Amino acid sequence: MADGKSAICNLPSAIRNAPAALRRFAERMKRVLSFIAIALFATAAFAADGAATTPLDARVEKAIRDSLPPCPGLKLTPGEMPYKLPTGFSGTVIRVESSPSRAACDAQLISIISPTGGFYLGVPWYFGDEEGTTPEEKLKNFAYRNMRMLTTAVIDRTSRTLDGLFRVALTETTDAGKVVLDGEMDQAGTIFFFGHFRRMNSDMRVERLKVFEPLLPSSPTKGAKDAQVTVIEFSDFECPSCQRASGYVDPILAKYPSQVRYIRFDLPLSGHPWAFSAAVAGRAVYRQKPELFWEFKKQVYTNQDKLSAFTFDDFARGFAESHELDMKRWDADVSSDAIRAELLKGVGLAFSNDIRATPSYIINGAFVDAGDGGKALMEYVDKLLAK
């Protein structure tokens, strides 16, 4: 892991079905992991190594850097836009590189500014040439053709955003249930902006925290409630990289017991057969005995390579029985539609707000690369508390 290339989970197997050019591009962008990753690649493949453009505006560069992890030697290289944007919108392809190179820091994204000062950083889906008679049908076909995602799109044409765009809810049907992915679309029905535009003059970190606040109270938490620093870890029980990183926050909590709060945000990836069941079981444990959740987390990661979709439920039930949980309540919780719905909502919320890898970390609203062995997390917290 010294080179940073194993700090996140592998790309989903579905990428093997992508076109050859898409696979080559994906292999150069190993930081993006979820099923949404392939969607990003599908559009990013349009973004060739264009000729250099004029230097980035200072305000735009600040907005970009505030949206990215504070990686060492972070370099932003602008390039030409690969396709036309709506009237009044301006965009630049941004190649993001760190030195030394880290998988969680290097990427190719598109920065877009709207006529009203909206800011977007990501990779829009250009679906104007897709087969279909309506934007809804084209979006559905685009998602299936490029990502094998079974989706339905609902476009709200009754109102527009501050940037004059239509809001879109793209619902994917997964084995665990329906995941709603938010986005915005131009009025012509040619470009889908996965996620949302934010105001250039807003605090990106504060806005990011506001998005996740509704789901944090029910997420497993430890540390001081009124802590100066909040570390949110987006993690998946079946992800090997999450297993390796499962203890990264422990030394931070030990060093700053009254100043740091740690929240685990469940992000079970669709390519992991028992990850969702593990997230549900974890919530069932947490609802009865919050402190016991951390032992459950430890046991799952310790036995991760022995577990499967066929054995996990028995493993989890055995854990519950051996720790004297109320089994009637346990059965109700692991079959709870409310818990499942909340977890699915969290998945959609995370992917719609720039979380595309497990594990990912947000500290006081800022994306932070964990670094080798989690050292960068400790260094970042040290700096915050030294102020």
Protein backbone atom coordinates (compact mmCIF):
# COMPACT_ATOMS: atom_id res chain seq x y z
CA MET A 1 0.00 0.00 0.00
CA ALA A 2 2.99 2.32 0.08
CA ASP A 3 2.23 3.68 -3.36
CA GLY A 4 -1.36 4.47 -2.43
CA LYS A 5 -2.79 2.23 -5.16
CA SER A 6 -4.44 -0.25 -2.81
CA ALA A 7 -6.12 2.25 -0.51
CA ILE A 8 -9.56 1.74 -2.04
CA CYS A 9 -11.62 -1.19 -3.27
CA ASN A 10 -11.24 -2.63 -6.76
CA LEU A 11 -13.39 -1.52 -9.66
CA PRO A 12 -16.59 -3.55 -10.02
CA SER A 13 -16.47 -6.55 -12.29
CA ALA A 14 -19.08 -4.94 -14.53
CA ILE A 15 -16.37 -2.73 -15.96
CA ARG A 16 -15.11 -5.69 -17.93
CA ASN A 17 -18.20 -5.31 -20.11
CA ALA A 18 -17.35 -1.71 -20.99
CA PRO A 19 -15.87 -0.78 -24.38
CA ALA A 20 -12.09 -1.18 -24.73
CA ALA A 21 -11.43 2.56 -24.80
CA LEU A 22 -13.55 2.95 -21.70
CA ARG A 23 -11.64 0.20 -19.89
CA ARG A 24 -8.31 1.82 -20.70
CA PHE A 25 -9.53 5.13 -19.35
CA ALA A 26 -10.92 3.42 -16.25
CA GLU A 27 -7.64 1.69 -15.55
CA ARG A 28 -5.97 5.09 -15.39
CA MET A 29 -8.58 6.31 -12.89
CA LYS A 30 -8.57 3.60 -10.25
CA ARG A 31 -9.82 5.87 -7.50
CA VAL A 32 -13.48 5.67 -8.61
CA LEU A 33 -15.15 2.52 -7.35
CA SER A 34 -18.89 2.30 -7.23
CA PHE A 35 -21.36 1.37 -9.93
CA ILE A 36 -21.47 5.11 -10.57
CA ALA A 37 -17.80 4.92 -11.48
CA ILE A 38 -18.54 3.37 -14.83
CA ALA A 39 -21.02 6.13 -15.55
CA LEU A 40 -18.30 8.66 -14.95
CA PHE A 41 -15.91 6.83 -17.24
CA ALA A 42 -18.53 6.67 -19.98
CA THR A 43 -18.53 10.43 -20.24
CA ALA A 44 -14.94 11.04 -19.21
CA ALA A 45 -13.86 8.98 -22.19
CA PHE A 46 -14.89 12.00 -24.30
CA ALA A 47 -12.38 14.12 -22.43
CA ALA A 48 -9.22 13.51 -24.42
CA ASP A 49 -5.89 15.06 -23.50
CA GLY A 50 -6.93 18.38 -24.95
CA ALA A 51 -4.65 21.30 -25.60
CA ALA A 52 -3.91 23.52 -22.65
CA THR A 53 -6.33 26.35 -22.03
CA THR A 54 -5.88 29.66 -20.27
CA PRO A 55 -4.95 29.44 -16.56
CA LEU A 56 -7.76 28.81 -14.12
CA ASP A 57 -9.52 31.77 -12.57
CA ALA A 58 -8.47 32.12 -8.91
CA ARG A 59 -12.04 31.72 -7.62
CA VAL A 60 -12.59 28.64 -9.77
CA GLU A 61 -9.33 27.08 -8.66
CA LYS A 62 -10.22 27.67 -5.00
CA ALA A 63 -13.64 26.05 -5.53
CA ILE A 64 -11.99 23.04 -7.19
CA ARG A 65 -9.41 22.64 -4.44
CA ASP A 66 -12.09 22.97 -1.74
CA SER A 67 -13.94 20.10 -3.46
CA LEU A 68 -10.92 17.77 -3.47
CA PRO A 69 -8.83 16.09 -0.78
CA PRO A 70 -5.83 18.21 0.32
CA CYS A 71 -3.37 15.81 -1.27
CA PRO A 72 0.40 16.48 -1.33
CA GLY A 73 1.71 18.27 -4.41
CA LEU A 74 -1.79 18.62 -5.86
CA LYS A 75 -1.58 19.90 -9.44
CA LEU A 76 -4.50 21.02 -11.60
CA THR A 77 -4.02 21.00 -15.37
CA PRO A 78 -6.81 22.54 -17.49
CA GLY A 79 -7.81 21.19 -20.90
CA GLU A 80 -10.43 21.83 -23.59
CA MET A 81 -14.06 20.82 -23.11
CA PRO A 82 -14.97 17.68 -25.12
CA TYR A 83 -18.53 18.78 -25.92
CA LYS A 84 -20.81 21.80 -26.02
CA LEU A 85 -22.49 23.08 -22.85
CA PRO A 86 -25.80 24.95 -22.54
CA THR A 87 -25.75 28.63 -23.47
CA GLY A 88 -23.97 30.73 -20.87
CA PHE A 89 -22.24 27.77 -19.19
CA SER A 90 -18.46 27.48 -19.37
CA GLY A 91 -16.40 24.40 -18.63
CA THR A 92 -12.86 23.10 -18.41
CA VAL A 93 -11.49 19.58 -18.26
CA ILE A 94 -9.30 19.34 -15.16
CA ARG A 95 -6.58 16.74 -14.80
CA VAL A 96 -5.88 16.30 -11.08
CA GLU A 97 -2.49 14.87 -10.11
CA SER A 98 -0.74 14.45 -6.79
CA SER A 99 2.95 14.04 -6.04
CA PRO A 100 3.70 11.40 -4.99
CA SER A 101 0.82 9.90 -6.96
CA ARG A 102 -2.07 8.53 -4.91
CA ALA A 103 -5.10 6.68 -6.25
CA ALA A 104 -7.48 8.68 -4.06
CA CYS A 105 -6.10 11.98 -5.35
CA ASP A 106 -5.59 11.54 -9.10
CA ALA A 107 -8.54 12.01 -11.45
CA GLN A 108 -9.88 13.67 -14.56
CA LEU A 109 -12.94 15.83 -13.92
CA ILE A 110 -14.88 18.67 -15.51
CA SER A 111 -15.31 22.05 -13.85
CA ILE A 112 -18.40 23.99 -14.97
CA ILE A 113 -19.58 27.50 -14.12
CA SER A 114 -23.19 28.53 -14.74
CA PRO A 115 -24.35 32.02 -15.78
CA THR A 116 -25.63 32.63 -12.23
CA GLY A 117 -22.42 31.64 -10.46
CA GLY A 118 -23.19 27.99 -9.90
CA PHE A 119 -20.23 25.62 -9.64
CA TYR A 120 -20.06 21.96 -10.62
CA LEU A 121 -17.16 19.52 -10.45
CA GLY A 122 -17.60 16.00 -11.78
CA VAL A 123 -18.21 14.29 -15.09
CA PRO A 124 -21.59 15.03 -16.72
CA TRP A 125 -23.27 12.41 -18.87
CA TYR A 126 -23.65 13.57 -22.46
CA PHE A 127 -26.66 11.54 -23.63
CA GLY A 128 -28.01 13.72 -26.43
CA ASP A 129 -27.11 11.15 -29.10
CA GLU A 130 -28.53 8.20 -27.18
CA GLU A 131 -31.42 6.21 -28.67
CA GLY A 132 -34.87 7.22 -27.46
CA THR A 133 -37.69 9.67 -28.10
CA THR A 134 -37.67 11.42 -24.70
CA PRO A 135 -34.89 12.50 -22.30
CA GLU A 136 -36.22 9.98 -19.78
CA GLU A 137 -35.87 7.16 -22.28
CA LYS A 138 -32.44 8.35 -23.42
CA LEU A 139 -31.14 8.52 -19.85
CA LYS A 140 -32.45 5.03 -19.17
CA ASN A 141 -30.80 3.66 -22.32
CA PHE A 142 -27.54 5.49 -21.64
CA ALA A 143 -27.31 4.05 -18.12
CA TYR A 144 -28.03 0.53 -19.32
CA ARG A 145 -25.81 0.60 -22.41
CA ASN A 146 -22.78 1.98 -20.58
CA MET A 147 -23.22 0.62 -17.05
CA ARG A 148 -25.83 -2.16 -17.26
CA MET A 149 -27.84 -0.18 -14.72
CA LEU A 150 -31.61 -0.78 -14.64
CA THR A 151 -32.99 2.70 -14.05
CA THR A 152 -35.99 4.94 -14.44
CA ALA A 153 -35.70 8.71 -14.71
CA VAL A 154 -38.16 11.24 -13.35
CA ILE A 155 -37.60 14.79 -14.60
CA ASP A 156 -39.29 17.66 -12.77
CA ARG A 157 -40.21 20.16 -15.47
CA THR A 158 -42.50 22.19 -13.19
CA SER A 159 -39.64 24.31 -11.84
CA ARG A 160 -36.00 25.09 -12.50
CA THR A 161 -32.91 25.40 -10.35
CA LEU A 162 -31.13 28.74 -9.90
CA ASP A 163 -29.04 27.71 -12.90
CA GLY A 164 -32.09 27.11 -15.11
CA LEU A 165 -31.81 23.31 -15.00
CA PHE A 166 -34.43 20.62 -14.42
CA ARG A 167 -34.07 18.40 -11.37
CA VAL A 168 -33.77 14.68 -12.11
CA ALA A 169 -34.27 11.64 -9.89
CA LEU A 170 -32.59 8.60 -11.45
CA THR A 171 -33.75 5.48 -9.62
CA GLU A 172 -31.68 2.32 -9.94
CA THR A 173 -33.13 -1.08 -9.14
CA THR A 174 -30.57 -3.17 -7.20
CA ASP A 175 -30.76 -6.52 -5.43
CA ALA A 176 -31.09 -4.65 -2.12
CA GLY A 177 -33.79 -2.28 -3.33
CA LYS A 178 -34.16 1.03 -5.12
CA VAL A 179 -31.41 3.65 -4.94
CA VAL A 180 -32.31 7.22 -5.90
CA LEU A 181 -29.53 9.24 -7.53
CA ASP A 182 -30.01 12.99 -7.80
CA GLY A 183 -28.94 15.20 -10.66
CA GLU A 184 -29.82 18.08 -12.93
CA MET A 185 -30.46 18.25 -16.67
CA ASP A 186 -30.31 21.03 -19.26
CA GLN A 187 -33.59 22.15 -20.79
CA ALA A 188 -32.68 20.66 -24.17
CA GLY A 189 -32.37 17.21 -22.63
CA THR A 190 -28.80 16.47 -23.71
CA ILE A 191 -26.63 16.64 -20.57
CA PHE A 192 -27.18 15.06 -17.15
CA PHE A 193 -25.16 16.64 -14.34
CA PHE A 194 -24.77 13.84 -11.82
CA GLY A 195 -25.06 15.55 -8.44
CA HIS A 196 -25.69 19.25 -8.04
CA PHE A 197 -24.37 22.72 -8.76
CA ARG A 198 -23.28 24.68 -5.70
CA ARG A 199 -22.85 28.43 -5.24
CA MET A 200 -19.37 29.73 -5.95
CA ASN A 201 -19.54 32.00 -2.89
CA SER A 202 -20.65 29.25 -0.51
CA ASP A 203 -18.48 27.27 1.88
CA MET A 204 -18.22 23.91 0.07
CA ARG A 205 -17.35 22.09 3.29
CA VAL A 206 -20.28 23.46 5.26
CA GLU A 207 -22.65 22.67 2.39
CA ARG A 208 -21.30 19.13 2.17
CA LEU A 209 -21.95 18.46 5.86
CA LYS A 210 -25.50 19.79 5.59
CA VAL A 211 -26.29 17.19 2.94
CA PHE A 212 -25.43 14.26 5.22
CA GLU A 213 -26.76 15.67 8.50
CA PRO A 214 -30.22 14.02 8.31
CA LEU A 215 -28.70 10.52 8.29
CA LEU A 216 -25.92 11.02 10.83
CA PRO A 217 -27.98 10.69 14.06
CA SER A 218 -28.81 7.04 13.29
CA SER A 219 -25.30 6.13 12.10
CA PRO A 220 -22.93 4.34 14.50
CA THR A 221 -21.05 7.02 16.41
CA LYS A 222 -18.48 7.28 19.16
CA GLY A 223 -16.51 10.10 20.70
CA ALA A 224 -17.59 13.43 22.13
CA LYS A 225 -21.00 14.75 21.02
CA ASP A 226 -19.80 18.36 21.08
CA ALA A 227 -16.43 17.58 19.49
CA GLN A 228 -14.45 20.20 17.62
CA VAL A 229 -13.67 17.67 14.89
CA THR A 230 -16.06 15.22 13.21
CA VAL A 231 -14.64 12.36 11.14
CA ILE A 232 -17.15 10.63 8.85
CA GLU A 233 -15.98 7.35 7.33
CA PHE A 234 -17.92 5.96 4.36
CA SER A 235 -17.33 2.23 4.51
CA ASP A 236 -18.47 -1.19 3.27
CA PHE A 237 -18.23 -4.35 5.38
CA GLU A 238 -17.29 -6.53 2.39
CA CYS A 239 -14.66 -4.17 0.96
CA PRO A 240 -11.10 -5.47 1.56
CA SER A 241 -9.72 -1.94 1.59
CA CYS A 242 -12.22 -1.01 4.29
CA GLN A 243 -11.03 -3.99 6.30
CA ARG A 244 -7.44 -2.76 6.06
CA ALA A 245 -8.52 0.75 7.06
CA SER A 246 -10.90 -0.31 9.83
CA GLY A 247 -8.57 0.84 12.58
CA TYR A 248 -7.37 4.11 11.07
CA VAL A 249 -9.51 6.33 13.31
CA ASP A 250 -8.77 4.46 16.57
CA PRO A 251 -5.46 6.23 17.36
CA ILE A 252 -7.12 9.59 16.62
CA LEU A 253 -9.88 8.89 19.14
CA ALA A 254 -7.32 7.66 21.66
CA LYS A 255 -5.29 10.86 21.28
CA TYR A 256 -8.26 13.22 21.29
CA PRO A 257 -11.06 11.50 23.30
CA SER A 258 -12.92 14.73 24.07
CA GLN A 259 -12.22 16.59 20.84
CA VAL A 260 -13.06 14.12 18.06
CA ARG A 261 -16.29 12.43 17.07
CA TYR A 262 -16.26 9.44 14.67
CA ILE A 263 -19.26 8.46 12.55
CA ARG A 264 -19.42 5.34 10.39
CA PHE A 265 -21.61 5.92 7.34
CA ASP A 266 -22.62 2.62 5.75
CA LEU A 267 -21.99 2.53 2.00
CA PRO A 268 -22.59 -1.06 0.83
CA LEU A 269 -21.54 -1.31 -2.82
CA SER A 270 -23.87 -3.15 -5.17
CA GLY A 271 -21.10 -5.46 -6.39
CA HIS A 272 -20.64 -6.97 -2.91
CA PRO A 273 -23.22 -9.74 -2.31
CA TRP A 274 -23.44 -9.61 1.49
CA ALA A 275 -22.44 -6.00 2.19
CA PHE A 276 -26.01 -4.73 2.48
CA SER A 277 -27.02 -7.54 4.85
CA ALA A 278 -24.00 -6.68 6.98
CA ALA A 279 -25.02 -3.03 7.12
CA VAL A 280 -28.55 -3.99 8.20
CA ALA A 281 -27.23 -6.38 10.86
CA GLY A 282 -24.86 -3.71 12.13
CA ARG A 283 -27.76 -1.30 12.57
CA ALA A 284 -29.70 -4.02 14.43
CA VAL A 285 -26.79 -4.41 16.84
CA TYR A 286 -26.36 -0.65 17.23
CA ARG A 287 -30.04 -0.08 18.00
CA GLN A 288 -29.87 -2.48 20.97
CA LYS A 289 -26.33 -2.02 22.28
CA PRO A 290 -24.46 0.89 20.66
CA GLU A 291 -21.09 -0.02 22.20
CA LEU A 292 -21.42 -3.62 20.99
CA PHE A 293 -21.52 -2.41 17.38
CA TRP A 294 -17.77 -1.81 17.41
CA GLU A 295 -17.12 -5.42 18.40
CA PHE A 296 -19.50 -6.51 15.61
CA LYS A 297 -17.52 -4.37 13.16
CA LYS A 298 -14.27 -5.93 14.37
CA GLN A 299 -15.61 -9.48 14.04
CA VAL A 300 -16.97 -8.90 10.54
CA TYR A 301 -13.66 -7.54 9.28
CA THR A 302 -11.68 -10.27 11.09
CA ASN A 303 -13.77 -12.95 9.35
CA GLN A 304 -14.32 -11.08 6.09
CA ASP A 305 -12.46 -13.59 3.89
CA LYS A 306 -14.49 -16.48 5.36
CA LEU A 307 -17.92 -14.91 4.91
CA SER A 308 -20.24 -15.18 1.93
CA ALA A 309 -23.80 -14.35 0.97
CA PHE A 310 -24.70 -17.91 2.02
CA THR A 311 -23.12 -17.76 5.48
CA PHE A 312 -23.41 -14.17 6.61
CA ASP A 313 -26.92 -14.28 8.08
CA ASP A 314 -26.00 -17.25 10.30
CA PHE A 315 -22.79 -15.49 11.33
CA ALA A 316 -24.67 -12.32 12.30
CA ARG A 317 -27.40 -14.20 14.15
CA GLY A 318 -24.78 -16.20 16.02
CA PHE A 319 -23.10 -12.95 17.07
CA ALA A 320 -26.42 -11.55 18.30
CA GLU A 321 -27.25 -14.68 20.29
CA SER A 322 -23.79 -14.98 21.84
CA HIS A 323 -23.98 -11.35 23.00
CA GLU A 324 -27.46 -11.83 24.50
CA LEU A 325 -29.39 -9.47 22.30
CA ASP A 326 -33.19 -9.55 22.36
CA MET A 327 -33.71 -11.94 19.43
CA LYS A 328 -37.33 -10.97 18.86
CA ARG A 329 -36.23 -7.38 18.44
CA TRP A 330 -33.27 -8.56 16.36
CA ASP A 331 -35.52 -10.39 13.91
CA ALA A 332 -37.74 -7.32 13.60
CA ASP A 333 -34.78 -5.04 12.92
CA VAL A 334 -33.00 -7.20 10.34
CA SER A 335 -36.26 -7.44 8.39
CA SER A 336 -37.19 -3.78 8.93
CA ASP A 337 -38.23 -1.93 5.79
CA ALA A 338 -37.43 1.36 7.53
CA ILE A 339 -33.80 0.40 8.19
CA ARG A 340 -33.35 -0.88 4.65
CA ALA A 341 -34.90 2.28 3.22
CA GLU A 342 -32.61 4.49 5.30
CA LEU A 343 -29.51 2.59 4.17
CA LEU A 344 -30.58 2.78 0.52
CA LYS A 345 -31.23 6.50 0.92
CA GLY A 346 -27.71 6.86 2.31
CA VAL A 347 -26.20 5.08 -0.68
CA GLY A 348 -27.98 7.39 -3.11
CA LEU A 349 -27.11 10.46 -1.06
CA ALA A 350 -23.43 9.52 -0.92
CA PHE A 351 -23.09 8.78 -4.63
CA SER A 352 -24.99 11.96 -5.51
CA ASN A 353 -22.58 14.03 -3.43
CA ASP A 354 -19.12 13.03 -4.63
CA ILE A 355 -18.55 9.89 -2.51
CA ARG A 356 -17.44 7.29 -5.04
CA ALA A 357 -14.98 5.11 -3.15
CA THR A 358 -14.80 3.04 0.01
CA PRO A 359 -13.36 3.92 2.35
CA SER A 360 -13.76 7.69 1.99
CA TYR A 361 -13.31 10.27 4.73
CA ILE A 362 -14.82 13.68 5.41
CA ILE A 363 -13.33 15.68 8.28
CA ASN A 364 -15.26 18.81 9.23
CA GLY A 365 -16.69 18.81 5.73
CA ALA A 366 -13.40 18.40 3.86
CA PHE A 367 -12.50 15.32 1.83
CA VAL A 368 -9.29 13.86 3.25
CA ASP A 369 -7.15 11.13 1.72
CA ALA A 370 -6.22 8.64 4.46
CA GLY A 371 -2.60 8.38 3.37
CA ASP A 372 -0.42 5.36 4.05
CA GLY A 373 -1.75 3.52 7.07
CA GLY A 374 -4.13 6.38 7.86
CA LYS A 375 -1.30 8.77 8.73
CA ALA A 376 -2.77 11.64 6.70
CA LEU A 377 -5.97 11.49 8.75
CA MET A 378 -4.06 11.96 11.99
CA GLU A 379 -1.98 14.76 10.46
CA TYR A 380 -5.10 16.57 9.27
CA VAL A 381 -6.78 16.32 12.69
CA ASP A 382 -3.57 17.45 14.39
CA LYS A 383 -3.54 20.61 12.25
CA LEU A 384 -7.20 21.35 12.92
CA LEU A 385 -6.81 21.06 16.68
CA ALA A 386 -3.56 23.04 16.71
CA LYS A 387 -5.34 26.14 15.41
